N, C-alpha and C. Protein backbone atom coordinates (compact mmCIF):
# COMPACT_ATOMS: atom_id res chain seq x y z
N UNK A 1 -13.32 11.18 1.78
CA UNK A 1 -14.01 11.36 0.51
C UNK A 1 -13.05 11.62 -0.65
N UNK A 2 -11.87 12.21 -0.38
CA UNK A 2 -10.92 12.50 -1.47
C UNK A 2 -10.32 11.21 -2.03
N UNK A 3 -10.02 10.25 -1.15
CA UNK A 3 -9.45 8.99 -1.62
C UNK A 3 -10.46 8.24 -2.49
N UNK A 4 -11.70 8.19 -2.04
CA UNK A 4 -12.74 7.52 -2.82
C UNK A 4 -12.92 8.22 -4.16
N UNK A 5 -12.93 9.53 -4.16
CA UNK A 5 -13.07 10.29 -5.41
C UNK A 5 -11.93 9.96 -6.37
N UNK A 6 -10.70 9.84 -5.84
CA UNK A 6 -9.55 9.52 -6.69
C UNK A 6 -9.70 8.12 -7.28
N UNK A 7 -10.14 7.17 -6.49
CA UNK A 7 -10.35 5.81 -7.00
C UNK A 7 -11.44 5.79 -8.07
N UNK A 8 -12.51 6.52 -7.83
CA UNK A 8 -13.59 6.60 -8.83
C UNK A 8 -13.10 7.24 -10.12
N UNK A 9 -12.27 8.27 -10.00
CA UNK A 9 -11.70 8.93 -11.18
C UNK A 9 -10.87 7.94 -12.01
N UNK A 10 -10.23 7.00 -11.32
CA UNK A 10 -9.42 5.97 -12.00
C UNK A 10 -10.27 4.77 -12.42
N UNK A 11 -11.59 4.91 -12.30
CA UNK A 11 -12.53 3.84 -12.68
C UNK A 11 -12.32 2.54 -11.92
N UNK A 12 -11.97 2.67 -10.64
CA UNK A 12 -11.81 1.50 -9.78
C UNK A 12 -13.06 1.34 -8.93
N UNK A 13 -13.48 0.09 -8.68
CA UNK A 13 -14.68 -0.13 -7.87
C UNK A 13 -14.44 0.25 -6.41
N UNK A 14 -15.41 0.90 -5.81
CA UNK A 14 -15.24 1.37 -4.43
C UNK A 14 -16.36 0.91 -3.50
N UNK A 15 -17.38 0.26 -4.02
CA UNK A 15 -18.57 -0.02 -3.20
C UNK A 15 -18.29 -0.90 -1.99
N UNK A 16 -17.37 -1.84 -2.07
CA UNK A 16 -17.11 -2.74 -0.95
C UNK A 16 -15.89 -2.34 -0.12
N UNK A 17 -15.33 -1.17 -0.38
CA UNK A 17 -14.14 -0.75 0.36
C UNK A 17 -14.51 -0.18 1.72
N UNK A 18 -13.65 -0.45 2.69
CA UNK A 18 -13.81 0.13 4.03
C UNK A 18 -12.45 0.14 4.69
N UNK A 19 -12.27 1.03 5.61
CA UNK A 19 -11.03 1.10 6.37
C UNK A 19 -10.98 -0.09 7.32
N UNK A 20 -9.79 -0.69 7.46
CA UNK A 20 -9.63 -1.86 8.32
C UNK A 20 -8.42 -1.68 9.22
N UNK A 21 -8.52 -2.19 10.41
CA UNK A 21 -7.38 -2.25 11.31
C UNK A 21 -6.54 -3.46 10.93
N UNK A 22 -5.25 -3.36 11.12
CA UNK A 22 -4.42 -4.53 10.79
C UNK A 22 -4.69 -5.68 11.74
N UNK A 23 -5.32 -5.39 12.89
CA UNK A 23 -5.71 -6.47 13.81
C UNK A 23 -6.62 -7.48 13.12
N UNK A 24 -7.40 -7.01 12.17
CA UNK A 24 -8.32 -7.87 11.44
C UNK A 24 -7.57 -8.95 10.66
N UNK A 25 -6.34 -8.66 10.28
CA UNK A 25 -5.56 -9.60 9.47
C UNK A 25 -4.53 -10.37 10.28
N UNK A 26 -4.39 -10.03 11.55
CA UNK A 26 -3.40 -10.70 12.40
C UNK A 26 -4.04 -11.72 13.34
N UNK A 27 -5.35 -11.79 13.35
CA UNK A 27 -6.03 -12.70 14.27
C UNK A 27 -6.20 -14.09 13.64
N UNK A 28 -6.42 -15.10 14.48
CA UNK A 28 -6.64 -16.45 13.94
C UNK A 28 -7.82 -16.47 12.98
N UNK A 29 -7.67 -17.24 11.91
CA UNK A 29 -8.73 -17.35 10.92
C UNK A 29 -8.74 -16.24 9.89
N UNK A 30 -7.80 -15.31 9.99
CA UNK A 30 -7.73 -14.22 9.02
C UNK A 30 -7.29 -14.76 7.66
N UNK A 31 -7.63 -14.06 6.58
CA UNK A 31 -7.18 -14.51 5.26
C UNK A 31 -5.65 -14.57 5.21
N UNK A 32 -5.12 -15.57 4.51
CA UNK A 32 -3.67 -15.71 4.36
C UNK A 32 -3.17 -14.62 3.42
N UNK A 33 -2.09 -13.98 3.83
CA UNK A 33 -1.49 -12.95 2.99
C UNK A 33 -0.09 -13.39 2.58
N UNK A 34 0.24 -13.19 1.33
CA UNK A 34 1.58 -13.48 0.84
C UNK A 34 2.48 -12.26 0.96
N UNK A 35 1.88 -11.06 0.87
CA UNK A 35 2.62 -9.81 0.92
C UNK A 35 1.87 -8.81 1.79
N UNK A 36 2.63 -7.99 2.53
CA UNK A 36 2.06 -6.90 3.31
C UNK A 36 2.90 -5.66 3.02
N UNK A 37 2.24 -4.60 2.55
CA UNK A 37 2.93 -3.34 2.26
C UNK A 37 2.37 -2.27 3.18
N UNK A 38 3.24 -1.60 3.92
CA UNK A 38 2.81 -0.44 4.70
C UNK A 38 3.09 0.79 3.83
N UNK A 39 2.19 1.76 3.88
CA UNK A 39 2.34 2.93 3.01
C UNK A 39 2.42 4.24 3.77
N UNK A 40 2.00 4.25 5.01
CA UNK A 40 2.03 5.48 5.81
C UNK A 40 3.48 5.83 6.13
N UNK A 41 3.86 7.09 5.93
CA UNK A 41 5.22 7.51 6.26
C UNK A 41 5.58 7.18 7.70
N UNK A 42 4.61 7.27 8.62
CA UNK A 42 4.87 6.97 10.02
C UNK A 42 5.06 5.49 10.29
N UNK A 43 4.56 4.63 9.42
CA UNK A 43 4.61 3.19 9.66
C UNK A 43 6.03 2.65 9.65
N UNK A 44 6.96 3.35 9.02
CA UNK A 44 8.34 2.88 8.96
C UNK A 44 8.93 2.77 10.35
N UNK A 45 8.48 3.60 11.28
CA UNK A 45 9.04 3.57 12.63
C UNK A 45 8.14 2.85 13.62
N UNK A 46 7.01 2.35 13.17
CA UNK A 46 6.09 1.64 14.05
C UNK A 46 6.43 0.15 14.09
N UNK A 47 6.04 -0.48 15.17
CA UNK A 47 6.20 -1.93 15.28
C UNK A 47 4.96 -2.57 14.67
N UNK A 48 5.18 -3.39 13.65
CA UNK A 48 4.07 -4.07 13.00
C UNK A 48 3.83 -5.40 13.70
N UNK A 49 2.62 -5.92 13.61
CA UNK A 49 2.35 -7.22 14.23
C UNK A 49 3.09 -8.33 13.51
N UNK A 50 3.16 -9.47 14.15
CA UNK A 50 3.68 -10.66 13.50
C UNK A 50 2.52 -11.22 12.69
N UNK A 51 2.69 -11.25 11.39
CA UNK A 51 1.61 -11.68 10.51
C UNK A 51 1.57 -13.19 10.41
N UNK A 52 0.38 -13.78 10.46
CA UNK A 52 0.26 -15.23 10.27
C UNK A 52 0.81 -15.62 8.91
N UNK A 53 1.51 -16.73 8.85
CA UNK A 53 2.02 -17.24 7.59
C UNK A 53 3.31 -16.59 7.12
N UNK A 54 3.84 -15.65 7.86
CA UNK A 54 5.09 -14.97 7.53
C UNK A 54 5.13 -14.43 6.10
N UNK A 55 4.22 -13.51 5.76
CA UNK A 55 4.26 -12.92 4.42
C UNK A 55 5.49 -12.04 4.24
N UNK A 56 5.85 -11.79 3.01
CA UNK A 56 6.93 -10.85 2.70
C UNK A 56 6.39 -9.45 2.96
N UNK A 57 7.15 -8.65 3.69
CA UNK A 57 6.71 -7.30 4.04
C UNK A 57 7.66 -6.26 3.44
N UNK A 58 7.10 -5.10 3.16
CA UNK A 58 7.91 -3.98 2.67
C UNK A 58 7.22 -2.68 3.05
N UNK A 59 8.02 -1.65 3.22
CA UNK A 59 7.46 -0.33 3.49
C UNK A 59 7.55 0.50 2.22
N UNK A 60 6.39 0.93 1.74
CA UNK A 60 6.30 1.76 0.55
C UNK A 60 5.76 3.13 0.96
N UNK A 61 6.50 3.85 1.76
CA UNK A 61 6.05 5.12 2.31
C UNK A 61 5.59 6.12 1.27
N UNK A 62 4.46 6.74 1.56
CA UNK A 62 3.87 7.79 0.73
C UNK A 62 3.42 8.90 1.67
N UNK A 63 3.74 10.15 1.36
CA UNK A 63 3.23 11.23 2.21
C UNK A 63 1.71 11.14 2.34
N UNK A 64 1.21 11.31 3.54
CA UNK A 64 -0.22 11.18 3.80
C UNK A 64 -0.97 12.37 3.23
N UNK A 65 -1.76 12.16 2.17
CA UNK A 65 -2.46 13.29 1.56
C UNK A 65 -3.52 13.89 2.48
N UNK A 66 -3.98 13.13 3.47
CA UNK A 66 -4.99 13.65 4.40
C UNK A 66 -4.42 14.74 5.29
N UNK A 67 -3.09 14.85 5.36
CA UNK A 67 -2.46 15.88 6.18
C UNK A 67 -2.27 17.19 5.43
N UNK A 68 -2.55 17.20 4.13
CA UNK A 68 -2.36 18.39 3.31
C UNK A 68 -3.50 19.37 3.57
N UNK A 69 -3.11 20.62 3.78
CA UNK A 69 -4.13 21.67 3.91
C UNK A 69 -3.91 22.65 2.76
N UNK A 70 -4.92 23.40 2.46
CA UNK A 70 -4.82 24.36 1.36
C UNK A 70 -6.10 24.35 0.56
N UNK A 71 -5.97 24.73 -0.69
CA UNK A 71 -7.14 24.79 -1.56
C UNK A 71 -7.61 23.38 -1.91
N UNK A 72 -8.82 23.30 -2.41
CA UNK A 72 -9.36 22.02 -2.87
C UNK A 72 -8.44 21.42 -3.92
N UNK A 73 -7.93 22.26 -4.81
CA UNK A 73 -7.02 21.79 -5.86
C UNK A 73 -5.75 21.19 -5.27
N UNK A 74 -5.17 21.84 -4.26
CA UNK A 74 -3.95 21.33 -3.62
C UNK A 74 -4.21 19.99 -2.93
N UNK A 75 -5.33 19.89 -2.27
CA UNK A 75 -5.67 18.64 -1.58
C UNK A 75 -5.91 17.53 -2.59
N UNK A 76 -6.66 17.81 -3.65
CA UNK A 76 -6.90 16.79 -4.68
C UNK A 76 -5.60 16.37 -5.36
N UNK A 77 -4.69 17.32 -5.56
CA UNK A 77 -3.39 16.99 -6.16
C UNK A 77 -2.61 16.05 -5.25
N UNK A 78 -2.65 16.28 -3.94
CA UNK A 78 -1.95 15.41 -2.99
C UNK A 78 -2.50 13.98 -3.06
N UNK A 79 -3.81 13.84 -3.15
CA UNK A 79 -4.41 12.50 -3.27
C UNK A 79 -4.07 11.87 -4.61
N UNK A 80 -4.07 12.67 -5.67
CA UNK A 80 -3.71 12.16 -7.00
C UNK A 80 -2.25 11.70 -7.01
N UNK A 81 -1.35 12.49 -6.41
CA UNK A 81 0.07 12.12 -6.36
C UNK A 81 0.27 10.82 -5.60
N UNK A 82 -0.42 10.68 -4.46
CA UNK A 82 -0.30 9.44 -3.68
C UNK A 82 -0.81 8.26 -4.50
N UNK A 83 -1.95 8.45 -5.16
CA UNK A 83 -2.51 7.38 -5.99
C UNK A 83 -1.54 6.99 -7.10
N UNK A 84 -1.00 7.97 -7.80
CA UNK A 84 -0.09 7.68 -8.92
C UNK A 84 1.17 6.98 -8.45
N UNK A 85 1.69 7.37 -7.29
CA UNK A 85 2.87 6.71 -6.73
C UNK A 85 2.57 5.24 -6.45
N UNK A 86 1.47 4.98 -5.77
CA UNK A 86 1.11 3.60 -5.45
C UNK A 86 0.75 2.81 -6.70
N UNK A 87 0.06 3.42 -7.64
CA UNK A 87 -0.30 2.75 -8.88
C UNK A 87 0.95 2.31 -9.64
N UNK A 88 1.95 3.19 -9.70
CA UNK A 88 3.21 2.85 -10.38
C UNK A 88 3.90 1.69 -9.66
N UNK A 89 3.97 1.76 -8.34
CA UNK A 89 4.64 0.70 -7.57
C UNK A 89 3.91 -0.63 -7.71
N UNK A 90 2.59 -0.59 -7.68
CA UNK A 90 1.82 -1.83 -7.84
C UNK A 90 2.06 -2.41 -9.22
N UNK A 91 2.12 -1.57 -10.24
CA UNK A 91 2.42 -2.05 -11.58
C UNK A 91 3.77 -2.73 -11.66
N UNK A 92 4.78 -2.13 -11.02
CA UNK A 92 6.10 -2.75 -10.99
C UNK A 92 6.07 -4.07 -10.25
N UNK A 93 5.35 -4.10 -9.13
CA UNK A 93 5.23 -5.34 -8.35
C UNK A 93 4.57 -6.43 -9.19
N UNK A 94 3.49 -6.09 -9.88
CA UNK A 94 2.78 -7.08 -10.68
C UNK A 94 3.60 -7.59 -11.86
N UNK A 95 4.62 -6.84 -12.26
CA UNK A 95 5.47 -7.28 -13.38
C UNK A 95 6.61 -8.18 -12.92
N UNK A 96 6.78 -8.36 -11.61
CA UNK A 96 7.85 -9.22 -11.12
C UNK A 96 7.59 -10.67 -11.51
N UNK A 97 8.64 -11.38 -11.92
CA UNK A 97 8.48 -12.80 -12.23
C UNK A 97 8.53 -13.63 -10.94
N UNK A 98 7.48 -13.54 -10.13
CA UNK A 98 7.49 -14.13 -8.79
C UNK A 98 7.80 -15.62 -8.79
N UNK A 99 7.33 -16.34 -9.79
CA UNK A 99 7.54 -17.79 -9.81
C UNK A 99 9.00 -18.17 -10.05
N UNK A 100 9.80 -17.24 -10.57
CA UNK A 100 11.20 -17.57 -10.84
C UNK A 100 12.16 -16.92 -9.85
N UNK A 101 11.63 -16.26 -8.81
CA UNK A 101 12.49 -15.62 -7.80
C UNK A 101 12.34 -16.33 -6.47
N UNK A 102 13.46 -16.45 -5.74
CA UNK A 102 13.35 -17.00 -4.39
C UNK A 102 12.90 -15.90 -3.44
N UNK A 103 12.57 -16.28 -2.21
CA UNK A 103 12.02 -15.34 -1.23
C UNK A 103 12.90 -14.13 -0.99
N UNK A 104 14.21 -14.33 -0.90
CA UNK A 104 15.11 -13.20 -0.65
C UNK A 104 15.14 -12.24 -1.83
N UNK A 105 15.12 -12.78 -3.03
CA UNK A 105 15.12 -11.93 -4.22
C UNK A 105 13.82 -11.13 -4.31
N UNK A 106 12.70 -11.76 -3.98
CA UNK A 106 11.42 -11.05 -3.99
C UNK A 106 11.45 -9.93 -2.96
N UNK A 107 11.95 -10.22 -1.76
CA UNK A 107 12.05 -9.20 -0.71
C UNK A 107 12.90 -8.03 -1.18
N UNK A 108 14.03 -8.32 -1.80
CA UNK A 108 14.90 -7.27 -2.32
C UNK A 108 14.16 -6.41 -3.35
N UNK A 109 13.42 -7.06 -4.23
CA UNK A 109 12.70 -6.34 -5.28
C UNK A 109 11.58 -5.47 -4.72
N UNK A 110 10.80 -6.00 -3.77
CA UNK A 110 9.70 -5.18 -3.24
C UNK A 110 10.25 -4.01 -2.42
N UNK A 111 11.38 -4.21 -1.76
CA UNK A 111 12.02 -3.09 -1.06
C UNK A 111 12.50 -2.03 -2.06
N UNK A 112 13.08 -2.48 -3.17
CA UNK A 112 13.57 -1.57 -4.21
C UNK A 112 12.40 -0.77 -4.80
N UNK A 113 11.31 -1.44 -5.08
CA UNK A 113 10.14 -0.77 -5.64
C UNK A 113 9.65 0.32 -4.69
N UNK A 114 9.68 0.06 -3.40
CA UNK A 114 9.22 1.03 -2.42
C UNK A 114 10.05 2.28 -2.34
N UNK A 115 11.24 2.25 -2.92
CA UNK A 115 12.13 3.42 -2.92
C UNK A 115 11.98 4.24 -4.19
N UNK A 116 11.14 3.78 -5.09
CA UNK A 116 10.96 4.49 -6.37
C UNK A 116 9.79 5.44 -6.30
């Protein structure tokens, strides 16, 4: 509920959102993906599936706000911080001149963004 509340606070649509397993995107007939970003701090050490179409992948680790305990204010702050981190990174990603970069340069840039 905290993640949904944060998205609603940012005026983002939430009605069609649902949690998905990555298996849903790795099976035959899955939507083609150009980019895959993992965000869970634990995902950096996990083995990811081989994605159809060989999308560019990057790890954009963010501390999991669901693991924060404390007051309602502390928990909401953790979700807000995670949101702001990802929002900033997505903004940087969207500003990349993708049409003028080769695959290796794009990979370098998305990795760099994930460290910010």
